[in-house]
Amino acid sequence: FFFNDTATTEIYTEQIVGSVRCVQETDIKVDYYLHTPTVFLVPWYNDKMEPILQEKQVNLRFKYTLREVKGKERIAVFENLDTNTLHEENFDLLHAVPPMHAPESIRKSPLVDQNGYVQVDQGTLQSQKYPNVWALGDCCNVPTSKTAAAIFSQTPVMVKHLVEAENKQEMSDIRYTGYTSCPLFTGDHKLLLCEFLYGGKVDETFVIGQGKPRRIFYWMKRYFFPFAYFQLMPRGCLLYTSDTADDLLCV
């Protein structure tokens, strides 16, 4: 964030997963409101992120949710999830991320669980209600972060089982293990590359150590990841590094 006059500037960020970058000015106040009890739900990465935010003088406000924005008055209304009480905060800049949900056509279908996501087996990605249905990505209820990296890992598993079902073969033991990745920008062209499985089990790719922000990960996120998202993935070419599926699968 950049301001010409920072005398009374207050910034409030709500529900950003690690993407907080603040200007190092003593007269800028940054508050980060989260609905969770920690910055990151995987303890290994949370222990790395909290000191970075504290060093940047970001005030962490845990277990809050945004209930109302009074735009003309520049007031944000937050609810404390422990006490269910509301309080108002004045702001100059507010960054808020709305709740995620599946498309309406899915939410209103018989495929979903109580939260409106397609109910699937978390390993096979097969519907638990209809055996001829599989789902992956943001629409299904697997307990992991919904990212492109997750879809990259889910696709070979789902395709394998779809082919087996089409050929009336017994389902193989290939399973999706919950792999996902969250690249967290920390400033100064550095990035903390978080990779983990179900249950928050750390599953890092690189031997150089991903427990600290590195510039190489920033450049990967800036150049290589978009190439994978927009060139490889739409063509069905998925780079995959798990023991549960082929290293390279083109569908």
C-alpha atoms as a PDB file:
ATOM      1  CA  PHE A   1       0.000   0.000   0.000  1.00  0.00           C
ATOM      2  CA  PHE A   2       1.242   3.508  -0.747  1.00  0.00           C
ATOM      3  CA  PHE A   3      -0.056   6.789   0.590  1.00  0.00           C
ATOM      4  CA  ASN A   4       1.139  10.340  -0.033  1.00  0.00           C
ATOM      5  CA  ASP A   5      -0.094  11.527   3.340  1.00  0.00           C
ATOM      6  CA  THR A   6       0.247   8.863   6.039  1.00  0.00           C
ATOM      7  CA  ALA A   7      -0.530  11.012   9.051  1.00  0.00           C
ATOM      8  CA  THR A   8      -3.786   9.261   9.989  1.00  0.00           C
ATOM      9  CA  THR A   9      -3.833   6.236   7.757  1.00  0.00           C
ATOM     10  CA  GLU A  10      -5.322   3.019   9.113  1.00  0.00           C
ATOM     11  CA  ILE A  11      -5.484  -0.167   7.081  1.00  0.00           C
ATOM     12  CA  TYR A  12      -7.666  -3.122   7.953  1.00  0.00           C
ATOM     13  CA  THR A  13      -7.241  -6.455   6.218  1.00  0.00           C
ATOM     14  CA  GLU A  14      -9.679  -9.320   6.701  1.00  0.00           C
ATOM     15  CA  GLN A  15      -9.419 -12.965   5.635  1.00  0.00           C
ATOM     16  CA  ILE A  16      -6.272 -12.624   3.529  1.00  0.00           C
ATOM     17  CA  VAL A  17      -4.286 -15.848   3.605  1.00  0.00           C
ATOM     18  CA  GLY A  18      -0.804 -14.505   4.209  1.00  0.00           C
ATOM     19  CA  SER A  19      -0.875 -11.908   1.438  1.00  0.00           C
ATOM     20  CA  VAL A  20      -0.170  -8.970   3.735  1.00  0.00           C
ATOM     21  CA  ARG A  21       2.488  -6.519   2.672  1.00  0.00           C
ATOM     22  CA  CYS A  22       2.639  -3.268   4.585  1.00  0.00           C
ATOM     23  CA  VAL A  23       4.548  -0.034   4.167  1.00  0.00           C
ATOM     24  CA  GLN A  24       7.136   0.461   6.860  1.00  0.00           C
ATOM     25  CA  GLU A  25       5.975   3.826   8.141  1.00  0.00           C
ATOM     26  CA  THR A  26       5.445   4.530  11.815  1.00  0.00           C
ATOM     27  CA  ASP A  27       2.272   6.524  11.148  1.00  0.00           C
ATOM     28  CA  ILE A  28       0.549   3.743   9.210  1.00  0.00           C
ATOM     29  CA  LYS A  29      -1.490   1.321  11.297  1.00  0.00           C
ATOM     30  CA  VAL A  30      -2.236  -2.114   9.830  1.00  0.00           C
ATOM     31  CA  ASP A  31      -4.667  -4.542  11.470  1.00  0.00           C
ATOM     32  CA  TYR A  32      -5.127  -8.074  10.164  1.00  0.00           C
ATOM     33  CA  TYR A  33      -8.451  -9.657  11.187  1.00  0.00           C
ATOM     34  CA  LEU A  34      -8.793 -13.436  10.874  1.00  0.00           C
ATOM     35  CA  HIS A  35     -11.634 -15.794  11.712  1.00  0.00           C
ATOM     36  CA  THR A  36      -9.069 -18.456  12.705  1.00  0.00           C
ATOM     37  CA  PRO A  37      -7.081 -18.696  15.972  1.00  0.00           C
ATOM     38  CA  THR A  38      -3.767 -18.534  14.069  1.00  0.00           C
ATOM     39  CA  VAL A  39      -2.363 -16.843  10.975  1.00  0.00           C
ATOM     40  CA  PHE A  40      -1.893 -20.187   9.190  1.00  0.00           C
ATOM     41  CA  LEU A  41      -3.551 -23.453  10.148  1.00  0.00           C
ATOM     42  CA  VAL A  42      -0.406 -25.535   9.544  1.00  0.00           C
ATOM     43  CA  PRO A  43       1.717 -25.012  12.694  1.00  0.00           C
ATOM     44  CA  TRP A  44       5.077 -25.293  10.882  1.00  0.00           C
ATOM     45  CA  TYR A  45       4.251 -22.370   8.587  1.00  0.00           C
ATOM     46  CA  ASN A  46       2.323 -20.425  11.181  1.00  0.00           C
ATOM     47  CA  ASP A  47       5.460 -20.315  13.336  1.00  0.00           C
ATOM     48  CA  LYS A  48       7.252 -18.742  10.365  1.00  0.00           C
ATOM     49  CA  MET A  49       4.567 -16.233   9.380  1.00  0.00           C
ATOM     50  CA  GLU A  50       3.646 -14.709  12.738  1.00  0.00           C
ATOM     51  CA  PRO A  51       7.140 -13.303  13.448  1.00  0.00           C
ATOM     52  CA  ILE A  52       7.270 -11.845   9.924  1.00  0.00           C
ATOM     53  CA  LEU A  53       3.983 -10.015  10.430  1.00  0.00           C
ATOM     54  CA  GLN A  54       5.045  -8.825  13.876  1.00  0.00           C
ATOM     55  CA  GLU A  55       8.310  -7.502  12.437  1.00  0.00           C
ATOM     56  CA  LYS A  56       6.261  -5.559   9.890  1.00  0.00           C
ATOM     57  CA  GLN A  57       4.183  -4.146  12.766  1.00  0.00           C
ATOM     58  CA  VAL A  58       0.968  -5.801  11.614  1.00  0.00           C
ATOM     59  CA  ASN A  59      -1.515  -6.071  14.473  1.00  0.00           C
ATOM     60  CA  LEU A  60      -3.014  -9.562  14.491  1.00  0.00           C
ATOM     61  CA  ARG A  61      -6.686  -9.873  15.484  1.00  0.00           C
ATOM     62  CA  PHE A  62      -7.722 -13.502  15.804  1.00  0.00           C
ATOM     63  CA  LYS A  63     -11.221 -15.024  15.726  1.00  0.00           C
ATOM     64  CA  TYR A  64     -13.052 -12.096  14.173  1.00  0.00           C
ATOM     65  CA  THR A  65     -15.282 -11.847  11.141  1.00  0.00           C
ATOM     66  CA  LEU A  66     -16.423  -8.846   9.134  1.00  0.00           C
ATOM     67  CA  ARG A  67     -20.169  -8.272   9.463  1.00  0.00           C
ATOM     68  CA  GLU A  68     -20.763  -4.873   7.874  1.00  0.00           C
ATOM     69  CA  VAL A  69     -18.989  -2.095   6.006  1.00  0.00           C
ATOM     70  CA  LYS A  70     -20.320   1.444   6.316  1.00  0.00           C
ATOM     71  CA  GLY A  71     -18.722   2.792   3.185  1.00  0.00           C
ATOM     72  CA  LYS A  72     -19.591   6.475   3.394  1.00  0.00           C
ATOM     73  CA  GLU A  73     -18.430   6.673   7.005  1.00  0.00           C
ATOM     74  CA  ARG A  74     -15.382   4.418   6.381  1.00  0.00           C
ATOM     75  CA  ILE A  75     -16.319   2.139   9.260  1.00  0.00           C
ATOM     76  CA  ALA A  76     -15.858  -1.640   9.386  1.00  0.00           C
ATOM     77  CA  VAL A  77     -17.966  -3.653  11.823  1.00  0.00           C
ATOM     78  CA  PHE A  78     -16.321  -6.815  13.170  1.00  0.00           C
ATOM     79  CA  GLU A  79     -17.764  -9.584  15.308  1.00  0.00           C
ATOM     80  CA  ASN A  80     -15.682 -11.269  17.994  1.00  0.00           C
ATOM     81  CA  LEU A  81     -16.369 -14.982  17.490  1.00  0.00           C
ATOM     82  CA  ASP A  82     -15.688 -15.796  21.149  1.00  0.00           C
ATOM     83  CA  THR A  83     -17.981 -13.194  22.697  1.00  0.00           C
ATOM     84  CA  ASN A  84     -20.362 -12.579  19.761  1.00  0.00           C
ATOM     85  CA  THR A  85     -19.957  -8.850  20.365  1.00  0.00           C
ATOM     86  CA  LEU A  86     -19.640  -6.231  17.633  1.00  0.00           C
ATOM     87  CA  HIS A  87     -17.226  -3.334  17.472  1.00  0.00           C
ATOM     88  CA  GLU A  88     -16.545  -0.659  14.883  1.00  0.00           C
ATOM     89  CA  GLU A  89     -13.208   0.405  13.426  1.00  0.00           C
ATOM     90  CA  ASN A  90     -12.468   3.440  11.273  1.00  0.00           C
ATOM     91  CA  PHE A  91     -10.352   2.752   8.211  1.00  0.00           C
ATOM     92  CA  ASP A  92      -8.702   4.450   5.252  1.00  0.00           C
ATOM     93  CA  LEU A  93      -8.254   1.238   3.257  1.00  0.00           C
ATOM     94  CA  LEU A  94     -10.108  -2.033   3.755  1.00  0.00           C
ATOM     95  CA  HIS A  95      -9.202  -5.304   2.016  1.00  0.00           C
ATOM     96  CA  ALA A  96     -11.905  -7.919   2.602  1.00  0.00           C
ATOM     97  CA  VAL A  97     -12.300 -11.370   1.047  1.00  0.00           C
ATOM     98  CA  PRO A  98     -15.890 -12.689   0.896  1.00  0.00           C
ATOM     99  CA  PRO A  99     -16.771 -16.224   2.004  1.00  0.00           C
ATOM    100  CA  MET A 100     -16.169 -18.977  -0.547  1.00  0.00           C
ATOM    101  CA  HIS A 101     -18.891 -21.288  -1.772  1.00  0.00           C
ATOM    102  CA  ALA A 102     -19.655 -23.569  -4.693  1.00  0.00           C
ATOM    103  CA  PRO A 103     -21.731 -22.337  -7.664  1.00  0.00           C
ATOM    104  CA  GLU A 104     -25.468 -22.126  -7.069  1.00  0.00           C
ATOM    105  CA  SER A 105     -26.174 -24.954  -9.511  1.00  0.00           C
ATOM    106  CA  ILE A 106     -24.091 -27.248  -7.303  1.00  0.00           C
ATOM    107  CA  ARG A 107     -25.260 -25.882  -3.949  1.00  0.00           C
ATOM    108  CA  LYS A 108     -28.868 -26.603  -4.869  1.00  0.00           C
ATOM    109  CA  SER A 109     -28.172 -30.089  -6.236  1.00  0.00           C
ATOM    110  CA  PRO A 110     -28.522 -33.408  -4.348  1.00  0.00           C
ATOM    111  CA  LEU A 111     -24.753 -33.939  -4.636  1.00  0.00           C
ATOM    112  CA  VAL A 112     -23.699 -31.714  -1.757  1.00  0.00           C
ATOM    113  CA  ASP A 113     -23.051 -31.932   1.969  1.00  0.00           C
ATOM    114  CA  GLN A 114     -24.490 -29.585   4.593  1.00  0.00           C
ATOM    115  CA  ASN A 115     -22.020 -26.863   3.568  1.00  0.00           C
ATOM    116  CA  GLY A 116     -22.957 -26.891  -0.113  1.00  0.00           C
ATOM    117  CA  TYR A 117     -19.926 -28.743  -1.512  1.00  0.00           C
ATOM    118  CA  VAL A 118     -19.990 -31.998  -3.464  1.00  0.00           C
ATOM    119  CA  GLN A 119     -19.618 -34.793  -0.934  1.00  0.00           C
ATOM    120  CA  VAL A 120     -16.761 -37.048  -2.054  1.00  0.00           C
ATOM    121  CA  ASP A 121     -14.402 -39.626  -0.652  1.00  0.00           C
ATOM    122  CA  GLN A 122     -11.302 -37.625   0.214  1.00  0.00           C
ATOM    123  CA  GLY A 123      -8.994 -40.198  -1.325  1.00  0.00           C
ATOM    124  CA  THR A 124     -10.789 -41.406  -4.459  1.00  0.00           C
ATOM    125  CA  LEU A 125     -12.762 -38.167  -5.115  1.00  0.00           C
ATOM    126  CA  GLN A 126     -15.805 -40.309  -5.890  1.00  0.00           C
ATOM    127  CA  SER A 127     -19.193 -39.042  -4.783  1.00  0.00           C
ATOM    128  CA  GLN A 128     -20.414 -40.631  -1.571  1.00  0.00           C
ATOM    129  CA  LYS A 129     -23.988 -40.341  -2.839  1.00  0.00           C
ATOM    130  CA  TYR A 130     -23.747 -41.319  -6.503  1.00  0.00           C
ATOM    131  CA  PRO A 131     -21.092 -43.861  -7.553  1.00  0.00           C
ATOM    132  CA  ASN A 132     -20.983 -42.563 -11.135  1.00  0.00           C
ATOM    133  CA  VAL A 133     -19.985 -39.041 -10.050  1.00  0.00           C
ATOM    134  CA  TRP A 134     -16.516 -37.682  -9.253  1.00  0.00           C
ATOM    135  CA  ALA A 135     -15.559 -34.159  -8.305  1.00  0.00           C
ATOM    136  CA  LEU A 136     -12.400 -32.152  -7.758  1.00  0.00           C
ATOM    137  CA  GLY A 137     -11.282 -28.593  -7.165  1.00  0.00           C
ATOM    138  CA  ASP A 138     -13.183 -25.824  -5.446  1.00  0.00           C
ATOM    139  CA  CYS A 139     -16.596 -27.496  -5.685  1.00  0.00           C
ATOM    140  CA  CYS A 140     -15.812 -30.589  -3.574  1.00  0.00           C
ATOM    141  CA  ASN A 141     -15.577 -30.979   0.181  1.00  0.00           C
ATOM    142  CA  VAL A 142     -12.073 -32.436   0.570  1.00  0.00           C
ATOM    143  CA  PRO A 143     -10.530 -30.973   3.764  1.00  0.00           C
ATOM    144  CA  THR A 144      -7.643 -29.074   2.207  1.00  0.00           C
ATOM    145  CA  SER A 145      -6.949 -25.591   0.866  1.00  0.00           C
ATOM    146  CA  LYS A 146      -8.639 -24.957  -2.468  1.00  0.00           C
ATOM    147  CA  THR A 147      -5.750 -24.087  -4.769  1.00  0.00           C
ATOM    148  CA  ALA A 148      -4.563 -24.771  -8.311  1.00  0.00           C
ATOM    149  CA  ALA A 149      -1.848 -26.979  -6.816  1.00  0.00           C
ATOM    150  CA  ALA A 150      -4.540 -29.118  -5.224  1.00  0.00           C
ATOM    151  CA  ILE A 151      -6.321 -29.498  -8.567  1.00  0.00           C
ATOM    152  CA  PHE A 152      -3.032 -30.452 -10.239  1.00  0.00           C
ATOM    153  CA  SER A 153      -2.704 -33.311  -7.751  1.00  0.00           C
ATOM    154  CA  GLN A 154      -6.348 -34.342  -7.766  1.00  0.00           C
ATOM    155  CA  THR A 155      -6.723 -34.587 -11.544  1.00  0.00           C
ATOM    156  CA  PRO A 156      -4.512 -37.650 -12.215  1.00  0.00           C
ATOM    157  CA  VAL A 157      -6.294 -39.516  -9.423  1.00  0.00           C
ATOM    158  CA  MET A 158      -9.754 -38.671 -10.707  1.00  0.00           C
ATOM    159  CA  VAL A 159      -8.857 -39.402 -14.350  1.00  0.00           C
ATOM    160  CA  LYS A 160      -7.411 -42.781 -13.369  1.00  0.00           C
ATOM    161  CA  HIS A 161     -10.607 -43.778 -11.586  1.00  0.00           C
ATOM    162  CA  LEU A 162     -12.834 -42.435 -14.377  1.00  0.00           C
ATOM    163  CA  VAL A 163     -10.977 -44.552 -16.936  1.00  0.00           C
ATOM    164  CA  GLU A 164     -11.266 -47.598 -14.691  1.00  0.00           C
ATOM    165  CA  ALA A 165     -14.999 -47.033 -14.257  1.00  0.00           C
ATOM    166  CA  GLU A 166     -15.485 -46.557 -18.010  1.00  0.00           C
ATOM    167  CA  ASN A 167     -13.679 -49.840 -18.684  1.00  0.00           C
ATOM    168  CA  LYS A 168     -15.545 -51.600 -15.848  1.00  0.00           C
ATOM    169  CA  GLN A 169     -12.261 -52.285 -14.049  1.00  0.00           C
ATOM    170  CA  GLU A 170     -11.743 -52.611 -10.312  1.00  0.00           C
ATOM    171  CA  MET A 171     -10.750 -49.308  -8.732  1.00  0.00           C
ATOM    172  CA  SER A 172      -6.995 -49.113  -8.144  1.00  0.00           C
ATOM    173  CA  ASP A 173      -5.461 -47.999  -4.860  1.00  0.00           C
ATOM    174  CA  ILE A 174      -4.318 -44.585  -6.159  1.00  0.00           C
ATOM    175  CA  ARG A 175      -5.493 -41.927  -3.723  1.00  0.00           C
ATOM    176  CA  TYR A 176      -5.345 -38.165  -3.389  1.00  0.00           C
ATOM    177  CA  THR A 177      -3.406 -37.407  -0.191  1.00  0.00           C
ATOM    178  CA  GLY A 178      -4.539 -33.817   0.298  1.00  0.00           C
ATOM    179  CA  TYR A 179      -1.543 -32.132  -1.318  1.00  0.00           C
ATOM    180  CA  THR A 180      -1.908 -28.392  -1.729  1.00  0.00           C
ATOM    181  CA  SER A 181       0.361 -25.374  -1.861  1.00  0.00           C
ATOM    182  CA  CYS A 182      -0.037 -21.808  -0.627  1.00  0.00           C
ATOM    183  CA  PRO A 183       2.551 -19.242  -1.800  1.00  0.00           C
ATOM    184  CA  LEU A 184       2.702 -16.448   0.785  1.00  0.00           C
ATOM    185  CA  PHE A 185       4.256 -13.152  -0.277  1.00  0.00           C
ATOM    186  CA  THR A 186       6.310 -11.563   2.488  1.00  0.00           C
ATOM    187  CA  GLY A 187       7.776  -8.527   0.692  1.00  0.00           C
ATOM    188  CA  ASP A 188      11.174  -7.647  -0.776  1.00  0.00           C
ATOM    189  CA  HIS A 189      10.563 -10.052  -3.683  1.00  0.00           C
ATOM    190  CA  LYS A 190      10.441 -13.011  -1.302  1.00  0.00           C
ATOM    191  CA  LEU A 191       7.869 -15.721  -0.829  1.00  0.00           C
ATOM    192  CA  LEU A 192       7.199 -18.485   1.677  1.00  0.00           C
ATOM    193  CA  LEU A 193       6.181 -21.575  -0.299  1.00  0.00           C
ATOM    194  CA  CYS A 194       3.922 -23.723   1.870  1.00  0.00           C
ATOM    195  CA  GLU A 195       3.195 -27.315   0.823  1.00  0.00           C
ATOM    196  CA  PHE A 196       1.247 -29.785   2.908  1.00  0.00           C
ATOM    197  CA  LEU A 197      -1.086 -32.793   2.942  1.00  0.00           C
ATOM    198  CA  TYR A 198      -4.204 -33.716   4.862  1.00  0.00           C
ATOM    199  CA  GLY A 199      -3.924 -32.989   8.551  1.00  0.00           C
ATOM    200  CA  GLY A 200      -1.373 -30.227   7.978  1.00  0.00           C
ATOM    201  CA  LYS A 201       1.463 -32.683   7.324  1.00  0.00           C
ATOM    202  CA  VAL A 202       4.306 -30.752   5.697  1.00  0.00           C
ATOM    203  CA  ASP A 203       5.239 -32.124   2.262  1.00  0.00           C
ATOM    204  CA  GLU A 204       7.887 -29.855   0.751  1.00  0.00           C
ATOM    205  CA  THR A 205       9.370 -30.303  -2.715  1.00  0.00           C
ATOM    206  CA  PHE A 206      12.720 -28.518  -2.522  1.00  0.00           C
ATOM    207  CA  VAL A 207      15.823 -29.530  -0.573  1.00  0.00           C
ATOM    208  CA  ILE A 208      16.931 -25.925  -0.003  1.00  0.00           C
ATOM    209  CA  GLY A 209      14.420 -25.557   2.804  1.00  0.00           C
ATOM    210  CA  GLN A 210      11.058 -23.839   2.588  1.00  0.00           C
ATOM    211  CA  GLY A 211      10.885 -22.694   6.191  1.00  0.00           C
ATOM    212  CA  LYS A 212      11.995 -19.166   5.258  1.00  0.00           C
ATOM    213  CA  PRO A 213      10.949 -16.730   2.525  1.00  0.00           C
ATOM    214  CA  ARG A 214      13.147 -16.972  -0.578  1.00  0.00           C
ATOM    215  CA  ARG A 215      13.473 -14.971  -3.755  1.00  0.00           C
ATOM    216  CA  ILE A 216      13.588 -18.061  -5.969  1.00  0.00           C
ATOM    217  CA  PHE A 217      10.055 -18.949  -4.881  1.00  0.00           C
ATOM    218  CA  TYR A 218       8.901 -15.419  -5.658  1.00  0.00           C
ATOM    219  CA  TRP A 219      10.205 -15.689  -9.237  1.00  0.00           C
ATOM    220  CA  MET A 220       8.655 -19.136  -9.603  1.00  0.00           C
ATOM    221  CA  LYS A 221       5.306 -17.706  -8.546  1.00  0.00           C
ATOM    222  CA  ARG A 222       5.664 -14.755 -10.886  1.00  0.00           C
ATOM    223  CA  TYR A 223       6.776 -16.601 -14.025  1.00  0.00           C
ATOM    224  CA  PHE A 224       6.607 -20.408 -13.837  1.00  0.00           C
ATOM    225  CA  PHE A 225       3.310 -20.869 -12.005  1.00  0.00           C
ATOM    226  CA  PRO A 226       1.316 -18.682 -14.463  1.00  0.00           C
ATOM    227  CA  PHE A 227       2.863 -20.669 -17.321  1.00  0.00           C
ATOM    228  CA  ALA A 228       1.685 -23.896 -15.679  1.00  0.00           C
ATOM    229  CA  TYR A 229      -1.773 -22.477 -14.948  1.00  0.00           C
ATOM    230  CA  PHE A 230      -2.441 -21.066 -18.417  1.00  0.00           C
ATOM    231  CA  GLN A 231      -0.326 -23.229 -20.739  1.00  0.00           C
ATOM    232  CA  LEU A 232       0.009 -26.692 -19.193  1.00  0.00           C
ATOM    233  CA  MET A 233      -3.192 -27.101 -17.248  1.00  0.00           C
ATOM    234  CA  PRO A 234      -5.737 -26.096 -19.937  1.00  0.00           C
ATOM    235  CA  ARG A 235      -4.049 -28.538 -22.329  1.00  0.00           C
ATOM    236  CA  GLY A 236      -4.312 -31.342 -19.785  1.00  0.00           C
ATOM    237  CA  CYS A 237      -0.581 -31.584 -19.089  1.00  0.00           C
ATOM    238  CA  LEU A 238      -0.090 -31.838 -15.358  1.00  0.00           C
ATOM    239  CA  LEU A 239       3.241 -31.993 -13.601  1.00  0.00           C
ATOM    240  CA  TYR A 240       2.826 -34.285 -10.633  1.00  0.00           C
ATOM    241  CA  THR A 241       5.372 -35.447  -8.071  1.00  0.00           C
ATOM    242  CA  SER A 242       3.539 -37.956  -5.927  1.00  0.00           C
ATOM    243  CA  ASP A 243       4.018 -41.682  -5.575  1.00  0.00           C
ATOM    244  CA  THR A 244       0.282 -42.108  -6.178  1.00  0.00           C
ATOM    245  CA  ALA A 245       0.300 -41.200  -9.864  1.00  0.00           C
ATOM    246  CA  ASP A 246       2.476 -40.795 -12.937  1.00  0.00           C
ATOM    247  CA  ASP A 247       5.053 -38.019 -12.869  1.00  0.00           C
ATOM    248  CA  LEU A 248       3.636 -36.545 -16.061  1.00  0.00           C
ATOM    249  CA  LEU A 249       0.091 -37.123 -17.186  1.00  0.00           C
ATOM    250  CA  CYS A 250      -1.461 -35.648 -20.331  1.00  0.00           C
ATOM    251  CA  VAL A 251      -5.195 -36.203 -20.685  1.00  0.00           C
END
